[in-house]
């Protein structure tokens, strides 16, 4: 007489079978879930309980419990452990609040040399002071316990998240002025795309990039070798040959870059840059420059030079701590990542030549930068 199963059959949907099959073949899932997936698939395929137990290497009651859970509550319930009663919690809400309050103070405020907590240091401090602060349950606190408490409180005292404080009382006004210029440039580009002409002004986003290091090799670079070395090889040591500064402005209409490479960025170098810009545009054009509040931009020397070229330039200043509003910062970021990151040179003069060559390459196929943040709110 053929074997007759007493339990109900387990009927799997196509999606459940697919998930169980993937889980059964997984090499990263918990072993217990992999075994339960195998049990459920075998049972759904009609195999007997004792045969399944032999296959997965588990006892018959273990297989029966897994199958019964699937029949009673579904596949997801069978794959997970049911909640258990456990022992009463020893750590109270007051204990957790105290740990969070300690974590929100800097270690040096409590007599340590460190600026921020590590879990080891915080756990040691908790253990040392728990009893006298009225939290004896924490007297043997471990790193994992402290981590769990802080994770539940959504606090990460071992990390910093940087922000930029607004120190300019006229920040919003100055930002609106900068955005208005960007909006005007966008409108002008749209009109020119439709065939309009007659523009007699230009807008330049300007800033300096100081501290570009001229670094030299101490050993030659090693080229990639097929089958052996995928990347270039470079010795960790280098020799510093000095630093240079790039004074650069981007024409926001066509993306062309005007740049000067100098050793410093004083009023003398800034007025030299203005002279370059002055030569680059027709004499009857108005040149509007977006720039920050560097002292060289408003010095006596600069003001004297501007008076000698009256009605030619118009400055729009970004707010203090608002250099991110200047589009040229995007260009400098791209330059750092794509060009300066791996440059090695024999001298500052060679670095100057390489930078000037790179600027020429950029101007062969210039990229027009578009500003989008709050641009729709700007009023021209």
Protein backbone atom coordinates (compact mmCIF):
# COMPACT_ATOMS: atom_id res chain seq x y z
CA UNK A 1 0.00 0.00 0.00
CA UNK A 2 1.54 3.32 -1.03
CA UNK A 3 2.58 5.87 1.58
CA UNK A 4 -0.17 8.35 2.38
CA UNK A 5 0.84 11.70 3.81
CA UNK A 6 -1.17 12.95 6.80
CA UNK A 7 -0.09 16.59 6.54
CA UNK A 8 -1.56 18.89 3.95
CA UNK A 9 0.53 19.56 0.86
CA UNK A 10 2.52 22.80 0.67
CA UNK A 11 1.50 24.76 -2.41
CA UNK A 12 4.06 27.36 -3.53
CA UNK A 13 3.44 30.23 -5.89
CA UNK A 14 5.87 30.75 -8.74
CA UNK A 15 7.39 33.74 -6.93
CA UNK A 16 7.79 31.80 -3.65
CA UNK A 17 9.45 28.91 -5.45
CA UNK A 18 11.80 31.28 -7.21
CA UNK A 19 12.77 32.99 -3.92
CA UNK A 20 13.31 29.67 -2.16
CA UNK A 21 15.42 28.34 -5.01
CA UNK A 22 17.65 31.44 -4.93
CA UNK A 23 17.94 31.20 -1.16
CA UNK A 24 18.82 27.50 -1.36
CA UNK A 25 21.69 28.30 -3.74
CA UNK A 26 22.90 31.34 -1.80
CA UNK A 27 26.40 31.32 -0.35
CA UNK A 28 25.94 34.46 1.73
CA UNK A 29 22.55 33.89 3.40
CA UNK A 30 22.43 32.48 6.96
CA UNK A 31 22.86 28.72 6.97
CA UNK A 32 19.63 28.15 8.89
CA UNK A 33 17.57 29.89 6.21
CA UNK A 34 19.30 27.93 3.45
CA UNK A 35 18.40 24.65 5.20
CA UNK A 36 14.78 25.69 5.73
CA UNK A 37 14.49 26.69 2.07
CA UNK A 38 15.68 23.20 1.09
CA UNK A 39 13.17 21.58 3.46
CA UNK A 40 10.26 23.58 2.05
CA UNK A 41 11.19 22.91 -1.57
CA UNK A 42 11.58 19.18 -0.96
CA UNK A 43 8.29 18.97 0.93
CA UNK A 44 6.46 20.94 -1.77
CA UNK A 45 7.86 18.46 -4.32
CA UNK A 46 6.27 15.58 -2.39
CA UNK A 47 9.26 14.08 -0.58
CA UNK A 48 8.67 12.32 2.74
CA UNK A 49 9.68 13.92 6.04
CA UNK A 50 12.23 11.21 6.91
CA UNK A 51 13.83 11.50 3.45
CA UNK A 52 14.11 15.28 3.79
CA UNK A 53 15.66 14.89 7.27
CA UNK A 54 18.36 12.60 5.87
CA UNK A 55 19.08 14.97 3.00
CA UNK A 56 19.50 18.14 5.08
CA UNK A 57 21.13 16.38 8.03
CA UNK A 58 18.50 17.41 10.57
CA UNK A 59 16.23 15.49 12.92
CA UNK A 60 12.69 14.58 11.91
CA UNK A 61 11.10 16.91 14.55
CA UNK A 62 13.15 19.83 13.19
CA UNK A 63 11.84 19.20 9.67
CA UNK A 64 8.29 18.79 10.95
CA UNK A 65 8.40 22.10 12.83
CA UNK A 66 9.59 23.93 9.72
CA UNK A 67 6.86 22.37 7.56
CA UNK A 68 4.15 23.02 10.16
CA UNK A 69 5.12 26.69 10.39
CA UNK A 70 4.91 27.02 6.61
CA UNK A 71 1.48 25.36 6.53
CA UNK A 72 0.22 27.52 9.41
CA UNK A 73 1.70 30.92 8.62
CA UNK A 74 3.28 30.84 5.19
CA UNK A 75 6.78 30.58 3.77
CA UNK A 76 8.11 33.78 5.34
CA UNK A 77 7.17 32.61 8.83
CA UNK A 78 8.83 29.26 8.24
CA UNK A 79 12.11 30.89 7.22
CA UNK A 80 12.41 32.95 10.41
CA UNK A 81 12.44 32.12 14.09
CA UNK A 82 9.36 32.96 16.10
CA UNK A 83 9.88 35.53 18.87
CA UNK A 84 10.73 34.04 22.21
CA UNK A 85 10.01 35.30 25.68
CA UNK A 86 13.63 35.73 26.76
CA UNK A 87 14.87 37.02 30.09
CA UNK A 88 13.69 40.35 31.53
CA UNK A 89 15.61 43.38 30.31
CA UNK A 90 18.22 44.72 32.73
CA UNK A 91 18.88 48.06 31.01
CA UNK A 92 16.22 50.65 31.71
CA UNK A 93 15.17 53.65 29.68
CA UNK A 94 17.01 55.89 32.17
CA UNK A 95 20.20 53.89 31.54
CA UNK A 96 19.88 54.36 27.80
CA UNK A 97 19.23 58.09 28.17
CA UNK A 98 22.34 58.47 30.33
CA UNK A 99 24.51 56.69 27.75
CA UNK A 100 23.12 58.92 24.99
CA UNK A 101 23.79 62.05 27.05
CA UNK A 102 27.38 61.00 27.71
CA UNK A 103 27.88 60.24 24.02
CA UNK A 104 26.67 63.74 23.10
CA UNK A 105 29.57 65.29 25.01
CA UNK A 106 33.10 65.44 23.65
CA UNK A 107 35.62 63.18 25.43
CA UNK A 108 37.96 66.06 26.27
CA UNK A 109 35.12 67.70 28.20
CA UNK A 110 35.22 64.67 30.50
CA UNK A 111 38.98 64.63 31.00
CA UNK A 112 40.19 62.63 27.98
CA UNK A 113 42.58 63.75 25.25
CA UNK A 114 40.41 62.55 22.35
CA UNK A 115 38.18 64.85 20.34
CA UNK A 116 35.57 62.21 19.47
CA UNK A 117 34.51 58.94 21.06
CA UNK A 118 35.47 55.47 20.00
CA UNK A 119 33.19 52.65 21.12
CA UNK A 120 36.03 51.21 23.21
CA UNK A 121 36.64 54.51 25.01
CA UNK A 122 32.95 55.19 25.52
CA UNK A 123 32.30 51.68 26.85
CA UNK A 124 35.23 52.00 29.25
CA UNK A 125 33.91 55.35 30.50
CA UNK A 126 30.41 53.91 30.96
CA UNK A 127 31.74 50.94 32.96
CA UNK A 128 33.88 53.18 35.16
CA UNK A 129 31.18 55.71 36.07
CA UNK A 130 27.94 53.71 35.78
CA UNK A 131 27.64 52.73 39.45
CA UNK A 132 28.36 56.15 40.89
CA UNK A 133 25.94 57.77 38.43
CA UNK A 134 23.15 55.43 39.52
CA UNK A 135 23.19 52.99 36.60
CA UNK A 136 24.61 49.72 38.02
CA UNK A 137 23.20 47.65 35.13
CA UNK A 138 25.81 49.29 32.87
CA UNK A 139 28.77 48.48 35.09
CA UNK A 140 29.80 45.70 32.70
CA UNK A 141 28.76 47.37 29.45
CA UNK A 142 30.47 46.11 26.32
CA UNK A 143 31.21 47.85 23.03
CA UNK A 144 28.38 46.00 21.31
CA UNK A 145 25.95 46.98 24.07
CA UNK A 146 26.91 50.65 23.78
CA UNK A 147 26.66 50.40 19.99
CA UNK A 148 23.14 48.96 20.20
CA UNK A 149 22.01 51.69 22.62
CA UNK A 150 23.35 54.47 20.41
CA UNK A 151 22.01 52.87 17.22
CA UNK A 152 18.54 52.74 18.78
CA UNK A 153 18.93 56.43 19.75
CA UNK A 154 20.17 57.22 16.20
CA UNK A 155 23.39 58.79 17.49
CA UNK A 156 26.86 58.34 15.94
CA UNK A 157 29.27 60.18 18.26
CA UNK A 158 32.31 58.71 16.50
CA UNK A 159 31.59 60.61 13.27
CA UNK A 160 31.55 64.21 12.05
CA UNK A 161 29.19 65.63 9.45
CA UNK A 162 30.47 68.98 8.21
CA UNK A 163 28.31 72.02 7.61
CA UNK A 164 28.93 75.60 6.54
CA UNK A 165 27.71 78.35 8.84
CA UNK A 166 26.12 81.36 7.25
CA UNK A 167 28.13 84.31 8.54
CA UNK A 168 26.95 86.90 6.06
CA UNK A 169 23.79 88.73 7.24
CA UNK A 170 23.07 89.57 3.59
CA UNK A 171 23.57 86.00 2.38
CA UNK A 172 20.13 85.64 0.77
CA UNK A 173 20.34 89.03 -0.94
CA UNK A 174 23.78 88.35 -2.40
CA UNK A 175 22.79 84.83 -3.45
CA UNK A 176 19.77 86.29 -5.26
CA UNK A 177 22.08 88.69 -7.10
CA UNK A 178 24.33 85.86 -8.25
CA UNK A 179 21.38 83.72 -9.32
CA UNK A 180 19.92 86.68 -11.22
CA UNK A 181 23.13 86.86 -13.27
CA UNK A 182 22.97 83.12 -13.98
CA UNK A 183 19.35 83.47 -15.00
CA UNK A 184 20.19 86.34 -17.34
CA UNK A 185 22.92 84.24 -18.97
CA UNK A 186 20.49 81.33 -19.42
CA UNK A 187 17.89 83.61 -21.04
CA UNK A 188 20.53 85.08 -23.36
CA UNK A 189 21.66 81.61 -24.43
CA UNK A 190 18.08 80.62 -25.23
CA UNK A 191 17.58 83.76 -27.31
CA UNK A 192 20.83 83.22 -29.20
CA UNK A 193 19.84 79.62 -29.88
CA UNK A 194 16.72 81.02 -31.58
CA UNK A 195 18.79 83.33 -33.77
CA UNK A 196 18.94 86.50 -31.68
CA UNK A 197 22.13 88.58 -31.85
CA UNK A 198 23.48 91.88 -30.64
CA UNK A 199 24.69 90.86 -27.17
CA UNK A 200 27.33 93.32 -25.97
CA UNK A 201 28.21 91.87 -22.61
CA UNK A 202 29.90 88.84 -21.11
CA UNK A 203 29.72 87.11 -17.74
CA UNK A 204 32.78 85.46 -16.22
CA UNK A 205 32.88 83.21 -13.18
CA UNK A 206 36.25 83.83 -11.54
CA UNK A 207 38.31 82.48 -8.65
CA UNK A 208 41.83 81.44 -7.70
CA UNK A 209 43.07 77.91 -7.13
CA UNK A 210 46.14 78.24 -4.90
CA UNK A 211 48.48 75.60 -3.53
CA UNK A 212 48.85 73.42 -6.61
CA UNK A 213 51.89 71.32 -5.71
CA UNK A 214 54.71 70.57 -8.11
CA UNK A 215 55.61 67.00 -7.11
CA UNK A 216 58.53 65.07 -8.56
CA UNK A 217 59.25 61.33 -8.67
CA UNK A 218 61.82 59.58 -6.53
CA UNK A 219 61.56 56.54 -8.83
CA UNK A 220 60.16 56.08 -12.34
CA UNK A 221 56.53 55.04 -12.91
CA UNK A 222 56.04 51.43 -13.99
CA UNK A 223 53.67 50.80 -16.93
CA UNK A 224 50.87 48.21 -16.88
CA UNK A 225 51.84 44.69 -17.99
CA UNK A 226 49.28 42.36 -19.51
CA UNK A 227 48.59 39.43 -17.22
CA UNK A 228 50.72 40.83 -14.38
CA UNK A 229 49.94 44.44 -13.48
CA UNK A 230 46.67 46.08 -14.45
CA UNK A 231 47.60 49.61 -13.39
CA UNK A 232 50.53 52.00 -13.40
CA UNK A 233 52.94 51.48 -10.54
CA UNK A 234 54.20 54.50 -8.60
CA UNK A 235 56.56 54.82 -5.65
CA UNK A 236 54.90 56.30 -2.57
CA UNK A 237 57.61 58.88 -1.98
CA UNK A 238 57.82 62.20 -3.80
CA UNK A 239 59.74 65.47 -3.72
CA UNK A 240 58.03 68.84 -3.38
CA UNK A 241 59.20 71.49 -5.84
CA UNK A 242 56.91 74.32 -4.70
CA UNK A 243 53.37 75.50 -5.38
CA UNK A 244 51.57 77.56 -8.01
CA UNK A 245 48.26 79.40 -8.22
CA UNK A 246 45.79 79.37 -11.10
CA UNK A 247 43.73 82.51 -11.63
CA UNK A 248 40.89 81.41 -13.89
CA UNK A 249 37.61 82.68 -15.23
CA UNK A 250 34.97 80.82 -17.26
CA UNK A 251 32.91 82.61 -19.86
CA UNK A 252 29.42 81.42 -18.94
CA UNK A 253 28.15 81.96 -22.48
CA UNK A 254 30.58 79.75 -24.41
CA UNK A 255 32.56 77.87 -21.72
CA UNK A 256 35.91 79.36 -22.72
CA UNK A 257 38.47 79.55 -19.90
CA UNK A 258 40.84 82.46 -19.38
CA UNK A 259 43.64 81.49 -17.03
CA UNK A 260 46.92 82.76 -15.60
CA UNK A 261 49.39 80.58 -13.71
CA UNK A 262 51.39 82.52 -11.16
CA UNK A 263 53.25 81.86 -7.91
CA UNK A 264 50.98 84.13 -5.85
CA UNK A 265 47.52 85.66 -6.02
CA UNK A 266 47.84 89.27 -4.90
CA UNK A 267 46.34 92.45 -6.33
CA UNK A 268 49.18 92.52 -8.86
CA UNK A 269 48.23 89.12 -10.27
CA UNK A 270 44.50 89.90 -10.17
CA UNK A 271 44.87 93.11 -12.17
CA UNK A 272 47.06 91.17 -14.61
CA UNK A 273 44.15 88.74 -15.05
CA UNK A 274 41.73 91.64 -15.56
CA UNK A 275 44.05 92.97 -18.27
CA UNK A 276 43.88 89.59 -20.02
CA UNK A 277 40.09 89.64 -19.86
CA UNK A 278 40.04 93.21 -21.11
CA UNK A 279 41.98 92.18 -24.21
CA UNK A 280 39.77 89.15 -24.86
CA UNK A 281 36.53 91.08 -25.55
CA UNK A 282 35.49 93.95 -27.83
CA UNK A 283 36.15 97.40 -26.36
CA UNK A 284 32.47 98.35 -26.25
CA UNK A 285 31.38 95.27 -24.28
CA UNK A 286 30.45 95.23 -20.61
CA UNK A 287 32.31 92.55 -18.66
CA UNK A 288 30.55 91.21 -15.58
CA UNK A 289 32.57 89.08 -13.16
CA UNK A 290 31.25 86.83 -10.40
CA UNK A 291 33.88 86.48 -7.66
CA UNK A 292 34.38 86.13 -3.93
CA UNK A 293 35.41 88.65 -1.27
CA UNK A 294 39.17 88.11 -1.39
CA UNK A 295 41.10 91.19 -0.27
CA UNK A 296 42.90 91.40 -3.63
CA UNK A 297 39.55 91.93 -5.37
CA UNK A 298 38.79 95.15 -3.49
CA UNK A 299 42.29 96.46 -2.70
CA UNK A 300 43.52 99.99 -3.49
CA UNK A 301 45.61 98.67 -6.36
CA UNK A 302 42.61 96.92 -7.88
CA UNK A 303 40.33 99.93 -7.44
CA UNK A 304 42.95 102.16 -9.06
CA UNK A 305 43.19 99.82 -12.06
CA UNK A 306 39.39 99.69 -12.41
CA UNK A 307 39.17 103.49 -12.37
CA UNK A 308 41.62 103.58 -15.27
CA UNK A 309 39.18 101.28 -17.13
CA UNK A 310 35.97 102.97 -16.08
CA UNK A 311 32.59 101.50 -17.12
CA UNK A 312 34.26 98.35 -18.41
CA UNK A 313 33.84 95.92 -15.50
CA UNK A 314 31.02 95.09 -13.12
CA UNK A 315 31.60 92.86 -10.08
CA UNK A 316 29.00 90.59 -8.45
CA UNK A 317 30.28 89.22 -5.15
CA UNK A 318 29.26 85.87 -3.71
CA UNK A 319 28.25 85.88 -0.03
CA UNK A 320 30.84 85.14 2.64
CA UNK A 321 31.16 81.35 2.99
CA UNK A 322 29.21 81.09 -0.25
CA UNK A 323 31.95 80.18 -2.71
CA UNK A 324 29.87 77.12 -3.69
CA UNK A 325 27.64 79.56 -5.57
CA UNK A 326 30.49 80.29 -7.99
CA UNK A 327 30.39 78.02 -11.05
CA UNK A 328 34.16 78.13 -11.48
CA UNK A 329 34.46 75.96 -8.35
CA UNK A 330 32.94 73.14 -10.40
CA UNK A 331 35.65 73.63 -12.99
CA UNK A 332 38.35 73.52 -10.31
CA UNK A 333 36.88 70.30 -8.91
CA UNK A 334 36.97 68.72 -12.35
CA UNK A 335 40.53 69.92 -12.80
CA UNK A 336 41.64 68.35 -9.53
CA UNK A 337 40.03 65.00 -10.30
CA UNK A 338 40.94 64.65 -13.96
CA UNK A 339 44.27 66.49 -14.29
CA UNK A 340 46.11 67.42 -11.10
CA UNK A 341 45.51 64.16 -9.24
CA UNK A 342 48.39 62.19 -10.74
CA UNK A 343 50.64 64.90 -12.22
CA UNK A 344 54.38 64.53 -11.58
CA UNK A 345 56.83 67.18 -12.83
CA UNK A 346 60.50 68.07 -12.52
CA UNK A 347 59.94 71.72 -11.60
CA UNK A 348 57.36 74.45 -11.05
CA UNK A 349 58.04 75.71 -14.54
CA UNK A 350 57.10 72.34 -15.99
CA UNK A 351 53.89 72.30 -13.91
CA UNK A 352 53.07 75.79 -15.24
CA UNK A 353 53.55 74.59 -18.81
CA UNK A 354 51.40 71.49 -18.21
CA UNK A 355 48.57 73.57 -16.72
CA UNK A 356 48.64 76.03 -19.61
CA UNK A 357 48.63 73.12 -22.07
CA UNK A 358 45.63 71.61 -20.28
CA UNK A 359 43.78 74.94 -20.47
CA UNK A 360 44.38 75.04 -24.21
CA UNK A 361 42.98 71.54 -24.53
CA UNK A 362 39.89 72.58 -22.55
CA UNK A 363 39.32 75.55 -24.83
CA UNK A 364 39.53 73.36 -27.93
CA UNK A 365 36.25 71.78 -26.86
CA UNK A 366 34.80 74.07 -24.16
CA UNK A 367 31.97 72.97 -21.91
CA UNK A 368 29.19 75.40 -21.07
CA UNK A 369 28.33 75.15 -17.39
CA UNK A 370 24.65 75.42 -16.46
CA UNK A 371 23.45 76.44 -13.00
CA UNK A 372 20.22 74.80 -11.80
CA UNK A 373 19.94 75.28 -8.00
CA UNK A 374 17.02 77.69 -7.32
CA UNK A 375 17.48 79.18 -10.78
CA UNK A 376 13.72 79.25 -11.31
CA UNK A 377 13.37 81.54 -8.29
CA UNK A 378 15.81 84.09 -9.69
CA UNK A 379 14.43 87.35 -11.03
CA UNK A 380 16.15 89.18 -13.87
